[in-house]
Protein backbone atom coordinates (compact mmCIF):
# COMPACT_ATOMS: atom_id res chain seq x y z
CA UNK A 1 4.92 4.39 7.72
CA UNK A 2 5.29 2.05 10.68
CA UNK A 3 4.02 -1.53 10.73
CA UNK A 4 3.30 -4.00 13.55
CA UNK A 5 6.60 -5.22 14.98
CA UNK A 6 8.45 -1.90 14.48
CA UNK A 7 10.08 -0.02 17.37
CA UNK A 8 9.20 3.67 17.65
CA UNK A 9 9.81 6.51 20.09
CA UNK A 10 6.56 7.83 21.61
CA UNK A 11 5.40 10.57 23.95
CA UNK A 12 2.63 9.65 26.40
CA UNK A 13 -0.52 11.73 25.74
CA UNK A 14 -3.31 9.82 27.49
CA UNK A 15 -3.30 7.30 30.34
CA UNK A 16 -5.86 4.79 31.54
CA UNK A 17 -4.24 4.32 34.95
CA UNK A 18 -1.67 6.47 36.73
CA UNK A 19 1.14 4.09 37.63
CA UNK A 20 4.70 3.83 36.28
CA UNK A 21 4.23 6.29 33.41
CA UNK A 22 3.45 10.01 33.45
CA UNK A 23 2.11 12.31 30.74
CA UNK A 24 4.77 13.81 28.51
CA UNK A 25 7.41 11.12 29.10
CA UNK A 26 9.28 9.67 26.14
CA UNK A 27 9.38 5.88 25.82
CA UNK A 28 10.41 3.26 23.33
CA UNK A 29 7.35 1.32 22.09
CA UNK A 30 6.63 -1.78 20.02
CA UNK A 31 3.70 -1.47 17.60
CA UNK A 32 1.22 -4.33 18.12
CA UNK A 33 -1.79 -3.14 16.09
CA UNK A 34 -2.05 -0.59 13.32
CA UNK A 35 -5.19 1.24 12.18
CA UNK A 36 -4.44 0.74 8.49
CA UNK A 37 -6.12 -2.46 7.38
CA UNK A 38 -3.77 -5.24 6.45
CA UNK A 39 -5.23 -8.05 4.36
CA UNK A 40 -3.46 -11.38 4.68
CA UNK A 41 -3.13 -14.07 2.02
CA UNK A 42 -5.86 -16.19 3.61
CA UNK A 43 -8.36 -13.31 3.32
CA UNK A 44 -8.43 -12.21 6.96
CA UNK A 45 -7.63 -8.64 7.97
CA UNK A 46 -5.94 -6.97 10.94
CA UNK A 47 -7.32 -4.85 13.81
CA UNK A 48 -8.79 -1.36 13.44
CA UNK A 49 -6.98 0.38 16.31
CA UNK A 50 -3.50 1.68 16.99
CA UNK A 51 -1.85 -0.06 19.96
CA UNK A 52 1.68 -0.17 21.28
CA UNK A 53 3.50 -1.92 24.13
CA UNK A 54 5.71 0.44 26.11
CA UNK A 55 9.30 -0.65 26.69
CA UNK A 56 11.86 0.56 29.19
CA UNK A 57 14.24 3.01 27.54
CA UNK A 58 17.17 1.35 25.79
CA UNK A 59 16.72 -1.93 27.74
CA UNK A 60 13.88 -3.10 25.46
CA UNK A 61 12.15 -4.84 28.35
CA UNK A 62 8.36 -4.65 28.70
CA UNK A 63 7.19 -1.93 31.10
CA UNK A 64 3.78 -3.46 31.91
CA UNK A 65 2.85 -6.72 33.60
CA UNK A 66 -0.53 -7.51 31.98
CA UNK A 67 -1.83 -6.92 28.47
CA UNK A 68 -5.44 -6.82 27.37
CA UNK A 69 -6.76 -6.98 23.94
């Protein structure tokens, strides 16, 4: 199971905007939010969605310029 902060290899299935990435491409990604609830010691919990930040292959540099969320 992957956790926030892990690097994974992903295939693009759905896009919001058609720009630098195309459907079916393989990219390295950094997990930023995970659907599984994580409860912290202070009683707060994490987000309820899966989100990743796409990275350029093998360079580990961020592909996007702005992040929302």
